[in-house]
Amino acid sequence: MRSKIVSSLVVAFSLGVVQAASAADMPVKARAVPVAAYNWTGCYVGVNGGLGWGNARWKDPGLGDFEFSNHNISGGLAGGTFGCNYQTGSVVLGLEGDVDWADIHGSSLDTLSAGALTDNTKIDFMATAAGRIGWAWGPALIYAKGGAAWVHDKYWAIVNATGATFYSAAQTRTGWMVGAGVEYAFSGPWSAKIEYNYIDLGTKAATFAGGTFPGAPFPFNIKEQVSVVKLGLNYRFY
């Protein structure tokens, strides 16, 4: 009787070892690695800087909007950022504003003067106010934005022979903008972003006054678009 009990225990133990070994040989299903939670809700301030490039076209309305100057513009910008976010689930909604000092400039020969003048366009200030919508994946945020834009432009024509200003104008222009970017929270409330904006300023009349030009003030129509790539660093207040 005792030998039968011992035999039964040995068999049961052996079966258990075999089953354990078989289970060990089975492939183990990989566990999903959870994404670290991060809350984008809150207001923030930051700094930004980057490059802008675009195009300015000067037209004379007195000659049926004849285009007499067409030049590319490019240069740098730097300034500040402020905004607020609200996160619900993975969706992040927000408002954001940028204010930048700029040096985006370009020039071309003036065909109305048969090349005697060089026309210049310079953006020295730029601001945007936009709504923002994004999708958060933990500390990473992919977003799109759209809203209004303002730039301050200076225009002037130089006499090529002497370097004197022939006529000039300045104005603040309003347009629309769209953009997209990626932001990453790398340390607590600190995040960094890279962003692209397209700004369309349409066609606006600018009133030119003479420098050495003896005539009365007169308007030219100027069409302008600008693209901007920015890097930014933000600090979020919880």
C-alpha atoms as a PDB file:
ATOM      1  CA  MET A   1       0.000   0.000   0.000  1.00  0.00           C
ATOM      2  CA  ARG A   2       2.789   2.358   0.949  1.00  0.00           C
ATOM      3  CA  SER A   3       4.614   1.597  -2.300  1.00  0.00           C
ATOM      4  CA  LYS A   4       1.480   2.463  -4.337  1.00  0.00           C
ATOM      5  CA  ILE A   5       1.193   5.847  -2.571  1.00  0.00           C
ATOM      6  CA  VAL A   6       4.870   6.595  -3.155  1.00  0.00           C
ATOM      7  CA  SER A   7       4.533   5.570  -6.815  1.00  0.00           C
ATOM      8  CA  SER A   8       1.502   7.859  -7.238  1.00  0.00           C
ATOM      9  CA  LEU A   9       3.364  10.806  -5.724  1.00  0.00           C
ATOM     10  CA  VAL A  10       6.364  10.219  -7.991  1.00  0.00           C
ATOM     11  CA  VAL A  11       4.122  10.129 -11.056  1.00  0.00           C
ATOM     12  CA  ALA A  12       2.285  13.300 -10.020  1.00  0.00           C
ATOM     13  CA  PHE A  13       5.569  15.102  -9.350  1.00  0.00           C
ATOM     14  CA  SER A  14       6.954  14.001 -12.712  1.00  0.00           C
ATOM     15  CA  LEU A  15       3.868  15.249 -14.544  1.00  0.00           C
ATOM     16  CA  GLY A  16       4.133  18.588 -12.753  1.00  0.00           C
ATOM     17  CA  VAL A  17       7.769  18.968 -13.772  1.00  0.00           C
ATOM     18  CA  VAL A  18       6.951  18.149 -17.395  1.00  0.00           C
ATOM     19  CA  GLN A  19       4.071  20.653 -17.474  1.00  0.00           C
ATOM     20  CA  ALA A  20       6.225  23.381 -15.896  1.00  0.00           C
ATOM     21  CA  ALA A  21       8.970  22.744 -18.428  1.00  0.00           C
ATOM     22  CA  SER A  22       6.476  22.887 -21.289  1.00  0.00           C
ATOM     23  CA  ALA A  23       5.062  26.168 -20.012  1.00  0.00           C
ATOM     24  CA  ALA A  24       8.566  27.621 -19.774  1.00  0.00           C
ATOM     25  CA  ASP A  25       9.185  26.783 -23.429  1.00  0.00           C
ATOM     26  CA  MET A  26       6.023  28.587 -24.609  1.00  0.00           C
ATOM     27  CA  PRO A  27       6.563  32.102 -26.065  1.00  0.00           C
ATOM     28  CA  VAL A  28       5.729  34.861 -23.613  1.00  0.00           C
ATOM     29  CA  LYS A  29       3.455  37.615 -25.008  1.00  0.00           C
ATOM     30  CA  ALA A  30       5.189  40.998 -24.812  1.00  0.00           C
ATOM     31  CA  ARG A  31       3.528  43.458 -22.499  1.00  0.00           C
ATOM     32  CA  ALA A  32       2.679  46.913 -23.866  1.00  0.00           C
ATOM     33  CA  VAL A  33       4.928  49.574 -22.399  1.00  0.00           C
ATOM     34  CA  PRO A  34       2.699  52.305 -20.962  1.00  0.00           C
ATOM     35  CA  VAL A  35       3.284  55.850 -22.156  1.00  0.00           C
ATOM     36  CA  ALA A  36       4.209  58.169 -19.316  1.00  0.00           C
ATOM     37  CA  ALA A  37       1.284  60.440 -18.413  1.00  0.00           C
ATOM     38  CA  TYR A  38       1.718  64.165 -19.032  1.00  0.00           C
ATOM     39  CA  ASN A  39      -0.838  66.931 -18.608  1.00  0.00           C
ATOM     40  CA  TRP A  40      -0.614  69.776 -21.149  1.00  0.00           C
ATOM     41  CA  THR A  41      -3.288  71.858 -19.408  1.00  0.00           C
ATOM     42  CA  GLY A  42      -2.034  75.248 -18.260  1.00  0.00           C
ATOM     43  CA  CYS A  43      -0.696  78.593 -19.422  1.00  0.00           C
ATOM     44  CA  TYR A  44       2.870  79.151 -20.552  1.00  0.00           C
ATOM     45  CA  VAL A  45       5.445  81.699 -21.674  1.00  0.00           C
ATOM     46  CA  GLY A  46       8.481  81.162 -23.832  1.00  0.00           C
ATOM     47  CA  VAL A  47      11.058  82.435 -26.284  1.00  0.00           C
ATOM     48  CA  ASN A  48      11.372  81.669 -29.975  1.00  0.00           C
ATOM     49  CA  GLY A  49      13.664  82.347 -32.897  1.00  0.00           C
ATOM     50  CA  GLY A  50      13.992  81.299 -36.480  1.00  0.00           C
ATOM     51  CA  LEU A  51      14.110  82.180 -40.154  1.00  0.00           C
ATOM     52  CA  GLY A  52      11.594  83.784 -42.481  1.00  0.00           C
ATOM     53  CA  TRP A  53      11.432  83.942 -46.259  1.00  0.00           C
ATOM     54  CA  GLY A  54       8.870  85.079 -48.798  1.00  0.00           C
ATOM     55  CA  ASN A  55       8.088  87.369 -51.697  1.00  0.00           C
ATOM     56  CA  ALA A  56       7.036  90.990 -52.301  1.00  0.00           C
ATOM     57  CA  ARG A  57       5.556  92.266 -55.558  1.00  0.00           C
ATOM     58  CA  TRP A  58       5.179  95.983 -56.261  1.00  0.00           C
ATOM     59  CA  LYS A  59       2.456  97.049 -58.712  1.00  0.00           C
ATOM     60  CA  ASP A  60       1.412 100.431 -60.119  1.00  0.00           C
ATOM     61  CA  PRO A  61      -2.399 100.881 -60.038  1.00  0.00           C
ATOM     62  CA  GLY A  62      -2.072 103.834 -62.405  1.00  0.00           C
ATOM     63  CA  LEU A  63      -0.776 101.453 -65.055  1.00  0.00           C
ATOM     64  CA  GLY A  64      -3.388  98.720 -64.605  1.00  0.00           C
ATOM     65  CA  ASP A  65      -1.476  97.101 -61.697  1.00  0.00           C
ATOM     66  CA  PHE A  66       1.635  96.672 -63.825  1.00  0.00           C
ATOM     67  CA  GLU A  67       4.191  94.715 -61.782  1.00  0.00           C
ATOM     68  CA  PHE A  68       7.436  96.656 -61.857  1.00  0.00           C
ATOM     69  CA  SER A  69       9.319  95.012 -58.965  1.00  0.00           C
ATOM     70  CA  ASN A  70       9.345  91.408 -57.750  1.00  0.00           C
ATOM     71  CA  HIS A  71      11.819  90.338 -55.082  1.00  0.00           C
ATOM     72  CA  ASN A  72      12.354  87.549 -52.575  1.00  0.00           C
ATOM     73  CA  ILE A  73      12.805  88.469 -48.923  1.00  0.00           C
ATOM     74  CA  SER A  74      14.591  86.503 -46.194  1.00  0.00           C
ATOM     75  CA  GLY A  75      16.164  86.900 -42.769  1.00  0.00           C
ATOM     76  CA  GLY A  76      15.926  86.135 -39.076  1.00  0.00           C
ATOM     77  CA  LEU A  77      13.472  86.808 -36.259  1.00  0.00           C
ATOM     78  CA  ALA A  78      13.353  86.374 -32.487  1.00  0.00           C
ATOM     79  CA  GLY A  79      10.875  87.117 -29.735  1.00  0.00           C
ATOM     80  CA  GLY A  80       8.444  85.829 -27.147  1.00  0.00           C
ATOM     81  CA  THR A  81       5.529  83.381 -26.932  1.00  0.00           C
ATOM     82  CA  PHE A  82       2.537  83.172 -24.593  1.00  0.00           C
ATOM     83  CA  GLY A  83      -0.469  80.862 -24.538  1.00  0.00           C
ATOM     84  CA  CYS A  84      -2.787  78.493 -22.712  1.00  0.00           C
ATOM     85  CA  ASN A  85      -3.763  74.836 -23.268  1.00  0.00           C
ATOM     86  CA  TYR A  86      -6.640  72.637 -22.159  1.00  0.00           C
ATOM     87  CA  GLN A  87      -6.323  68.859 -22.484  1.00  0.00           C
ATOM     88  CA  THR A  88      -9.269  66.448 -22.677  1.00  0.00           C
ATOM     89  CA  GLY A  89      -8.249  62.866 -23.299  1.00  0.00           C
ATOM     90  CA  SER A  90      -5.537  62.983 -25.946  1.00  0.00           C
ATOM     91  CA  VAL A  91      -6.872  66.189 -27.526  1.00  0.00           C
ATOM     92  CA  VAL A  92      -5.187  69.478 -26.602  1.00  0.00           C
ATOM     93  CA  LEU A  93      -6.939  72.786 -27.383  1.00  0.00           C
ATOM     94  CA  GLY A  94      -5.255  76.126 -26.959  1.00  0.00           C
ATOM     95  CA  LEU A  95      -4.623  79.761 -27.842  1.00  0.00           C
ATOM     96  CA  GLU A  96      -1.150  81.072 -28.623  1.00  0.00           C
ATOM     97  CA  GLY A  97       0.469  84.383 -29.489  1.00  0.00           C
ATOM     98  CA  ASP A  98       3.951  85.225 -30.782  1.00  0.00           C
ATOM     99  CA  VAL A  99       5.599  88.669 -30.908  1.00  0.00           C
ATOM    100  CA  ASP A 100       8.878  88.896 -32.840  1.00  0.00           C
ATOM    101  CA  TRP A 101      11.415  91.465 -33.921  1.00  0.00           C
ATOM    102  CA  ALA A 102      12.504  90.672 -37.462  1.00  0.00           C
ATOM    103  CA  ASP A 103      15.057  91.522 -40.132  1.00  0.00           C
ATOM    104  CA  ILE A 104      13.496  89.990 -43.254  1.00  0.00           C
ATOM    105  CA  HIS A 105      14.649  91.952 -46.282  1.00  0.00           C
ATOM    106  CA  GLY A 106      14.952  91.750 -50.050  1.00  0.00           C
ATOM    107  CA  SER A 107      15.362  93.950 -53.137  1.00  0.00           C
ATOM    108  CA  SER A 108      15.179  94.025 -56.937  1.00  0.00           C
ATOM    109  CA  LEU A 109      15.696  96.448 -59.800  1.00  0.00           C
ATOM    110  CA  ASP A 110      12.819  98.774 -60.629  1.00  0.00           C
ATOM    111  CA  THR A 111      11.673  98.233 -64.229  1.00  0.00           C
ATOM    112  CA  LEU A 112       9.635 101.479 -64.304  1.00  0.00           C
ATOM    113  CA  SER A 113      12.897 103.378 -63.965  1.00  0.00           C
ATOM    114  CA  ALA A 114      14.692 101.161 -66.500  1.00  0.00           C
ATOM    115  CA  GLY A 115      16.907  99.842 -63.703  1.00  0.00           C
ATOM    116  CA  ALA A 116      17.924 103.247 -62.345  1.00  0.00           C
ATOM    117  CA  LEU A 117      16.308 102.402 -58.973  1.00  0.00           C
ATOM    118  CA  THR A 118      16.464  99.424 -56.613  1.00  0.00           C
ATOM    119  CA  ASP A 119      13.252  98.690 -54.673  1.00  0.00           C
ATOM    120  CA  ASN A 120      13.517  97.323 -51.112  1.00  0.00           C
ATOM    121  CA  THR A 121      11.073  95.587 -48.747  1.00  0.00           C
ATOM    122  CA  LYS A 122      11.838  94.911 -45.078  1.00  0.00           C
ATOM    123  CA  ILE A 123       9.735  93.314 -42.320  1.00  0.00           C
ATOM    124  CA  ASP A 124      10.997  94.548 -38.939  1.00  0.00           C
ATOM    125  CA  PHE A 125       8.151  93.306 -36.695  1.00  0.00           C
ATOM    126  CA  MET A 126       5.826  90.297 -36.768  1.00  0.00           C
ATOM    127  CA  ALA A 127       3.025  89.054 -34.491  1.00  0.00           C
ATOM    128  CA  THR A 128       0.509  86.199 -34.662  1.00  0.00           C
ATOM    129  CA  ALA A 129      -2.552  85.173 -32.641  1.00  0.00           C
ATOM    130  CA  ALA A 130      -3.866  81.688 -33.331  1.00  0.00           C
ATOM    131  CA  GLY A 131      -6.034  78.864 -32.115  1.00  0.00           C
ATOM    132  CA  ARG A 132      -4.235  75.559 -31.671  1.00  0.00           C
ATOM    133  CA  ILE A 133      -5.438  71.941 -31.739  1.00  0.00           C
ATOM    134  CA  GLY A 134      -3.188  68.966 -31.116  1.00  0.00           C
ATOM    135  CA  TRP A 135      -2.920  65.286 -30.294  1.00  0.00           C
ATOM    136  CA  ALA A 136      -0.876  64.353 -27.217  1.00  0.00           C
ATOM    137  CA  TRP A 137       1.107  61.157 -26.858  1.00  0.00           C
ATOM    138  CA  GLY A 138       2.488  61.455 -23.343  1.00  0.00           C
ATOM    139  CA  PRO A 139       5.106  64.233 -23.366  1.00  0.00           C
ATOM    140  CA  ALA A 140       4.893  64.633 -27.166  1.00  0.00           C
ATOM    141  CA  LEU A 141       2.359  66.920 -28.848  1.00  0.00           C
ATOM    142  CA  ILE A 142       1.647  67.214 -32.574  1.00  0.00           C
ATOM    143  CA  TYR A 143      -0.467  70.255 -33.423  1.00  0.00           C
ATOM    144  CA  ALA A 144      -1.908  72.531 -36.086  1.00  0.00           C
ATOM    145  CA  LYS A 145      -2.763  76.206 -35.691  1.00  0.00           C
ATOM    146  CA  GLY A 146      -4.465  79.018 -37.549  1.00  0.00           C
ATOM    147  CA  GLY A 147      -5.379  82.647 -36.987  1.00  0.00           C
ATOM    148  CA  ALA A 148      -4.332  86.235 -37.715  1.00  0.00           C
ATOM    149  CA  ALA A 149      -0.958  87.818 -38.416  1.00  0.00           C
ATOM    150  CA  TRP A 150       0.443  91.351 -38.342  1.00  0.00           C
ATOM    151  CA  VAL A 151       3.701  92.655 -39.778  1.00  0.00           C
ATOM    152  CA  HIS A 152       5.303  96.076 -39.969  1.00  0.00           C
ATOM    153  CA  ASP A 153       6.830  96.758 -43.383  1.00  0.00           C
ATOM    154  CA  LYS A 154       9.230  99.376 -44.667  1.00  0.00           C
ATOM    155  CA  TYR A 155       9.516 100.071 -48.405  1.00  0.00           C
ATOM    156  CA  TRP A 156      12.008 102.307 -50.166  1.00  0.00           C
ATOM    157  CA  ALA A 157      13.678 102.818 -53.537  1.00  0.00           C
ATOM    158  CA  ILE A 158      17.351 103.730 -53.818  1.00  0.00           C
ATOM    159  CA  VAL A 159      18.928 105.664 -56.672  1.00  0.00           C
ATOM    160  CA  ASN A 160      21.617 103.268 -57.853  1.00  0.00           C
ATOM    161  CA  ALA A 161      23.943 106.008 -59.042  1.00  0.00           C
ATOM    162  CA  THR A 162      24.014 107.920 -55.750  1.00  0.00           C
ATOM    163  CA  GLY A 163      22.581 105.637 -53.025  1.00  0.00           C
ATOM    164  CA  ALA A 164      20.014 108.295 -52.094  1.00  0.00           C
ATOM    165  CA  THR A 165      16.459 107.308 -51.132  1.00  0.00           C
ATOM    166  CA  PHE A 166      14.154 108.222 -54.020  1.00  0.00           C
ATOM    167  CA  TYR A 167      10.836 107.544 -52.218  1.00  0.00           C
ATOM    168  CA  SER A 168       9.683 105.468 -49.240  1.00  0.00           C
ATOM    169  CA  ALA A 169       6.681 104.205 -47.269  1.00  0.00           C
ATOM    170  CA  ALA A 170       5.882 102.202 -44.127  1.00  0.00           C
ATOM    171  CA  GLN A 171       2.767 100.381 -42.968  1.00  0.00           C
ATOM    172  CA  THR A 172       1.382  97.730 -40.620  1.00  0.00           C
ATOM    173  CA  ARG A 173      -0.286  94.921 -42.561  1.00  0.00           C
ATOM    174  CA  THR A 174      -2.831  92.350 -41.393  1.00  0.00           C
ATOM    175  CA  GLY A 175      -3.250  88.873 -42.866  1.00  0.00           C
ATOM    176  CA  TRP A 176      -4.000  85.264 -42.029  1.00  0.00           C
ATOM    177  CA  MET A 177      -1.744  82.404 -41.026  1.00  0.00           C
ATOM    178  CA  VAL A 178      -1.735  78.620 -40.730  1.00  0.00           C
ATOM    179  CA  GLY A 179       0.929  76.401 -39.234  1.00  0.00           C
ATOM    180  CA  ALA A 180       1.907  73.074 -37.727  1.00  0.00           C
ATOM    181  CA  GLY A 181       4.498  71.840 -35.284  1.00  0.00           C
ATOM    182  CA  VAL A 182       5.782  69.324 -32.770  1.00  0.00           C
ATOM    183  CA  GLU A 183       6.349  70.088 -29.090  1.00  0.00           C
ATOM    184  CA  TYR A 184       8.050  67.846 -26.524  1.00  0.00           C
ATOM    185  CA  ALA A 185       8.038  68.207 -22.726  1.00  0.00           C
ATOM    186  CA  PHE A 186      11.564  67.185 -21.793  1.00  0.00           C
ATOM    187  CA  SER A 187      11.745  68.188 -18.128  1.00  0.00           C
ATOM    188  CA  GLY A 188       8.785  68.966 -15.887  1.00  0.00           C
ATOM    189  CA  PRO A 189       7.192  72.235 -17.051  1.00  0.00           C
ATOM    190  CA  TRP A 190       9.835  72.791 -19.774  1.00  0.00           C
ATOM    191  CA  SER A 191       9.068  71.962 -23.395  1.00  0.00           C
ATOM    192  CA  ALA A 192      10.721  72.607 -26.763  1.00  0.00           C
ATOM    193  CA  LYS A 193       9.070  72.956 -30.155  1.00  0.00           C
ATOM    194  CA  ILE A 194       9.731  73.296 -33.855  1.00  0.00           C
ATOM    195  CA  GLU A 195       7.050  74.972 -35.960  1.00  0.00           C
ATOM    196  CA  TYR A 196       6.277  76.106 -39.512  1.00  0.00           C
ATOM    197  CA  ASN A 197       3.945  79.049 -40.301  1.00  0.00           C
ATOM    198  CA  TYR A 198       2.632  80.324 -43.625  1.00  0.00           C
ATOM    199  CA  ILE A 199       1.492  83.964 -43.556  1.00  0.00           C
ATOM    200  CA  ASP A 200      -0.503  85.554 -46.386  1.00  0.00           C
ATOM    201  CA  LEU A 201      -0.663  89.350 -46.223  1.00  0.00           C
ATOM    202  CA  GLY A 202      -2.613  89.804 -49.451  1.00  0.00           C
ATOM    203  CA  THR A 203      -2.336  92.931 -51.613  1.00  0.00           C
ATOM    204  CA  LYS A 204      -2.364  96.308 -49.858  1.00  0.00           C
ATOM    205  CA  ALA A 205      -1.880  99.894 -51.035  1.00  0.00           C
ATOM    206  CA  ALA A 206       1.111 101.721 -49.552  1.00  0.00           C
ATOM    207  CA  THR A 207       1.419 105.493 -49.894  1.00  0.00           C
ATOM    208  CA  PHE A 208       4.929 106.556 -50.920  1.00  0.00           C
ATOM    209  CA  ALA A 209       6.375 109.986 -50.204  1.00  0.00           C
ATOM    210  CA  GLY A 210       9.366 111.443 -51.994  1.00  0.00           C
ATOM    211  CA  GLY A 211      12.847 111.441 -50.662  1.00  0.00           C
ATOM    212  CA  THR A 212      14.467 113.041 -53.698  1.00  0.00           C
ATOM    213  CA  PHE A 213      11.311 112.476 -55.799  1.00  0.00           C
ATOM    214  CA  PRO A 214       9.610 115.847 -56.422  1.00  0.00           C
ATOM    215  CA  GLY A 215       6.043 114.543 -56.958  1.00  0.00           C
ATOM    216  CA  ALA A 216       3.157 114.331 -54.486  1.00  0.00           C
ATOM    217  CA  PRO A 217       2.574 111.154 -52.387  1.00  0.00           C
ATOM    218  CA  PHE A 218       1.210 108.307 -54.479  1.00  0.00           C
ATOM    219  CA  PRO A 219       0.138 104.668 -53.863  1.00  0.00           C
ATOM    220  CA  PHE A 220       1.664 101.404 -55.027  1.00  0.00           C
ATOM    221  CA  ASN A 221      -0.065  98.059 -54.484  1.00  0.00           C
ATOM    222  CA  ILE A 222       2.185  95.532 -52.744  1.00  0.00           C
ATOM    223  CA  LYS A 223       1.454  91.810 -52.539  1.00  0.00           C
ATOM    224  CA  GLU A 224       3.319  89.837 -49.865  1.00  0.00           C
ATOM    225  CA  GLN A 225       3.593  86.318 -48.413  1.00  0.00           C
ATOM    226  CA  VAL A 226       5.977  84.980 -45.772  1.00  0.00           C
ATOM    227  CA  SER A 227       6.951  81.520 -44.491  1.00  0.00           C
ATOM    228  CA  VAL A 228       8.560  81.093 -41.073  1.00  0.00           C
ATOM    229  CA  VAL A 229      10.320  78.209 -39.314  1.00  0.00           C
ATOM    230  CA  LYS A 230      10.750  78.666 -35.559  1.00  0.00           C
ATOM    231  CA  LEU A 231      12.396  76.888 -32.676  1.00  0.00           C
ATOM    232  CA  GLY A 232      10.889  77.603 -29.259  1.00  0.00           C
ATOM    233  CA  LEU A 233      11.397  76.948 -25.560  1.00  0.00           C
ATOM    234  CA  ASN A 234       8.340  77.187 -23.264  1.00  0.00           C
ATOM    235  CA  TYR A 235       7.757  77.132 -19.499  1.00  0.00           C
ATOM    236  CA  ARG A 236       4.299  75.914 -18.387  1.00  0.00           C
ATOM    237  CA  PHE A 237       2.513  77.079 -15.222  1.00  0.00           C
ATOM    238  CA  TYR A 238       0.411  74.299 -13.674  1.00  0.00           C
END
